[in-house]
Amino acid sequence: MDIRIGNGYDVHALADGLPLWLGGIRIESRKGCIAHSDGDVAIHALCDALLGALALGDIGKHFPDTSDEFRGIDSKVLLSRTMGLVSSAGYRVGNVDITIALQRPKLAPYIPLMRETLAGLMNVPAGSVSVKATTTERLGFVGREEGCEVYASALLLSLPDEE
């Protein structure tokens, strides 16, 4: 069995009056991410981790923010397409781990639904999807509520050979 590990990182600026999407769900917030797509920074970091595990480049290579095709796109579509690349390469997700740094709002009530949503998109049990949230104790751009950053790691396992 071949095992691959990838990590991803993404950051988006926040602005008043925009919707906030994280982990495939809408979060109640007065600020949302400025982005070409729906701005789901958690899914973007996750896609980068999955693509990185297979040395397939990054999300910008596959879904460029210069393309009208991806303007306003639901990031769940991007994750589904990324999973198509993963399975085409002969792999499946073992587990993923995501850390979201956001000062406000508190994300704990949303985490179970994020895990379920992401698990469904990756066709894995929710127990294979870890989502954690943290603040930066009011330090830096996250602490000043200027942006959101996400770190993601993914473990991929090769699919068994069909005989």
Protein backbone atom coordinates (compact mmCIF):
# COMPACT_ATOMS: atom_id res chain seq x y z
CA MET A 1 0.00 0.00 0.00
CA ASP A 2 1.30 3.42 -0.97
CA ILE A 3 0.73 6.22 1.54
CA ARG A 4 0.87 9.91 0.64
CA ILE A 5 0.74 12.93 2.94
CA GLY A 6 -0.05 16.49 1.88
CA ASN A 7 -0.53 19.79 3.60
CA GLY A 8 -2.41 22.86 2.54
CA TYR A 9 -2.73 26.45 3.64
CA ASP A 10 -5.06 29.20 2.54
CA VAL A 11 -5.97 32.66 3.72
CA HIS A 12 -8.68 35.11 2.72
CA ALA A 13 -9.37 38.66 3.77
CA LEU A 14 -12.68 39.33 5.50
CA ALA A 15 -15.15 42.11 4.69
CA ASP A 16 -18.47 43.22 6.15
CA GLY A 17 -21.66 42.02 4.51
CA LEU A 18 -20.26 38.97 2.69
CA PRO A 19 -21.41 35.41 3.42
CA LEU A 20 -19.00 33.26 5.43
CA TRP A 21 -18.60 29.69 4.14
CA LEU A 22 -16.33 27.29 6.03
CA GLY A 23 -16.11 23.54 5.66
CA GLY A 24 -18.97 23.51 3.19
CA ILE A 25 -21.51 25.23 5.42
CA ARG A 26 -22.76 28.78 5.87
CA ILE A 27 -21.66 30.37 9.14
CA GLU A 28 -23.66 33.17 10.77
CA SER A 29 -21.29 36.13 10.74
CA ARG A 30 -21.25 39.83 9.92
CA LYS A 31 -18.09 39.27 7.85
CA GLY A 32 -17.27 36.88 5.04
CA CYS A 33 -14.30 36.05 2.84
CA ILE A 34 -13.34 38.15 -0.15
CA ALA A 35 -12.77 35.67 -2.97
CA HIS A 36 -13.27 34.77 -6.62
CA SER A 37 -15.27 31.68 -5.56
CA ASP A 38 -17.54 31.41 -2.50
CA GLY A 39 -14.38 31.92 -0.41
CA ASP A 40 -14.53 28.68 1.62
CA VAL A 41 -10.97 28.93 2.86
CA ALA A 42 -11.26 25.58 4.71
CA ILE A 43 -12.14 23.67 1.55
CA HIS A 44 -9.45 25.53 -0.39
CA ALA A 45 -6.76 24.48 2.11
CA LEU A 46 -8.13 20.93 2.08
CA CYS A 47 -7.98 20.79 -1.73
CA ASP A 48 -4.36 21.97 -1.58
CA ALA A 49 -3.53 19.22 0.95
CA LEU A 50 -5.13 16.55 -1.25
CA LEU A 51 -3.47 17.83 -4.42
CA GLY A 52 -0.14 18.22 -2.63
CA ALA A 53 -0.20 14.62 -1.42
CA LEU A 54 -0.21 13.56 -5.07
CA ALA A 55 2.23 16.23 -6.28
CA LEU A 56 -0.49 17.62 -8.57
CA GLY A 57 0.16 21.27 -7.84
CA ASP A 58 -2.24 23.54 -6.03
CA ILE A 59 -5.84 24.68 -6.23
CA GLY A 60 -4.89 27.67 -8.38
CA LYS A 61 -3.43 25.38 -11.03
CA HIS A 62 -6.63 23.35 -11.33
CA PHE A 63 -9.22 26.06 -10.57
CA PRO A 64 -7.63 29.44 -11.42
CA ASP A 65 -9.14 32.59 -9.98
CA THR A 66 -8.69 34.19 -13.39
CA SER A 67 -11.32 31.90 -14.95
CA ASP A 68 -14.95 32.95 -15.25
CA GLU A 69 -15.85 29.25 -14.91
CA PHE A 70 -14.96 29.44 -11.21
CA ARG A 71 -16.39 32.90 -10.40
CA GLY A 72 -18.69 32.49 -7.40
CA ILE A 73 -18.45 28.68 -7.57
CA ASP A 74 -19.48 26.61 -4.57
CA SER A 75 -16.22 25.28 -3.14
CA LYS A 76 -17.90 21.93 -2.51
CA VAL A 77 -17.78 21.53 -6.31
CA LEU A 78 -14.03 22.19 -6.20
CA LEU A 79 -13.59 19.53 -3.51
CA SER A 80 -15.67 17.05 -5.51
CA ARG A 81 -13.52 17.67 -8.58
CA THR A 82 -10.37 17.34 -6.48
CA MET A 83 -11.65 14.01 -5.18
CA GLY A 84 -12.10 12.94 -8.79
CA LEU A 85 -8.39 13.59 -9.32
CA VAL A 86 -7.56 11.66 -6.15
CA SER A 87 -9.54 8.59 -7.20
CA SER A 88 -8.28 8.80 -10.80
CA ALA A 89 -4.75 8.64 -9.42
CA GLY A 90 -5.67 5.44 -7.56
CA TYR A 91 -6.01 6.80 -4.03
CA ARG A 92 -8.59 7.30 -1.32
CA VAL A 93 -8.63 9.51 1.75
CA GLY A 94 -7.37 7.90 4.94
CA ASN A 95 -8.01 10.96 7.09
CA VAL A 96 -7.80 14.74 7.03
CA ASP A 97 -7.08 17.29 9.74
CA ILE A 98 -8.10 20.94 9.39
CA THR A 99 -7.33 23.88 11.69
CA ILE A 100 -9.28 27.10 11.16
CA ALA A 101 -7.89 30.32 12.69
CA LEU A 102 -10.66 32.90 13.02
CA GLN A 103 -11.18 35.40 15.81
CA ARG A 104 -14.98 35.60 15.48
CA PRO A 105 -17.48 34.01 15.36
CA LYS A 106 -16.88 30.98 17.56
CA LEU A 107 -17.02 27.89 15.36
CA ALA A 108 -17.55 25.08 17.90
CA PRO A 109 -21.30 24.79 17.20
CA TYR A 110 -20.64 24.37 13.46
CA ILE A 111 -17.86 21.79 13.59
CA PRO A 112 -20.01 18.61 13.66
CA LEU A 113 -21.88 19.70 10.51
CA MET A 114 -18.59 20.70 8.82
CA ARG A 115 -17.19 17.23 9.55
CA GLU A 116 -20.29 15.49 8.19
CA THR A 117 -20.38 17.69 5.08
CA LEU A 118 -16.72 17.20 4.25
CA ALA A 119 -16.89 13.47 4.99
CA GLY A 120 -19.78 13.09 2.57
CA LEU A 121 -17.90 14.92 -0.17
CA MET A 122 -14.83 12.72 0.33
CA ASN A 123 -16.80 9.49 0.84
CA VAL A 124 -15.24 8.75 4.23
CA PRO A 125 -16.70 8.37 7.74
CA ALA A 126 -16.96 11.58 9.76
CA GLY A 127 -14.44 10.03 12.15
CA SER A 128 -11.84 10.42 9.40
CA VAL A 129 -12.36 14.20 9.29
CA SER A 130 -10.95 16.39 12.04
CA VAL A 131 -11.90 20.08 12.14
CA LYS A 132 -10.52 22.31 14.85
CA ALA A 133 -10.97 26.02 15.41
CA THR A 134 -8.77 28.50 17.18
CA THR A 135 -8.38 32.22 17.65
CA THR A 136 -5.05 34.00 17.61
CA GLU A 137 -5.71 35.71 20.94
CA ARG A 138 -6.30 38.98 19.05
CA LEU A 139 -2.80 38.85 17.53
CA GLY A 140 -2.05 39.49 13.84
CA PHE A 141 -4.48 39.90 10.94
CA VAL A 142 -6.67 37.06 12.24
CA GLY A 143 -6.84 38.61 15.70
CA ARG A 144 -7.75 41.99 14.22
CA GLU A 145 -10.57 40.23 12.30
CA GLU A 146 -9.05 41.18 8.95
CA GLY A 147 -8.82 37.62 7.68
CA CYS A 148 -9.18 33.89 8.18
CA GLU A 149 -6.46 31.29 7.71
CA VAL A 150 -6.68 27.52 7.50
CA TYR A 151 -4.14 24.72 7.68
CA ALA A 152 -5.01 21.26 6.40
CA SER A 153 -3.29 17.89 6.27
CA ALA A 154 -4.40 14.87 4.30
CA LEU A 155 -3.36 11.24 4.36
CA LEU A 156 -4.07 9.33 1.16
CA LEU A 157 -3.96 5.55 0.77
CA SER A 158 -3.57 3.73 -2.52
CA LEU A 159 -6.58 1.78 -3.72
CA PRO A 160 -6.11 -1.99 -3.78
CA ASP A 161 -5.23 -3.41 -7.16
CA GLU A 162 -8.19 -5.04 -8.85
CA GLU A 163 -7.50 -8.62 -9.79
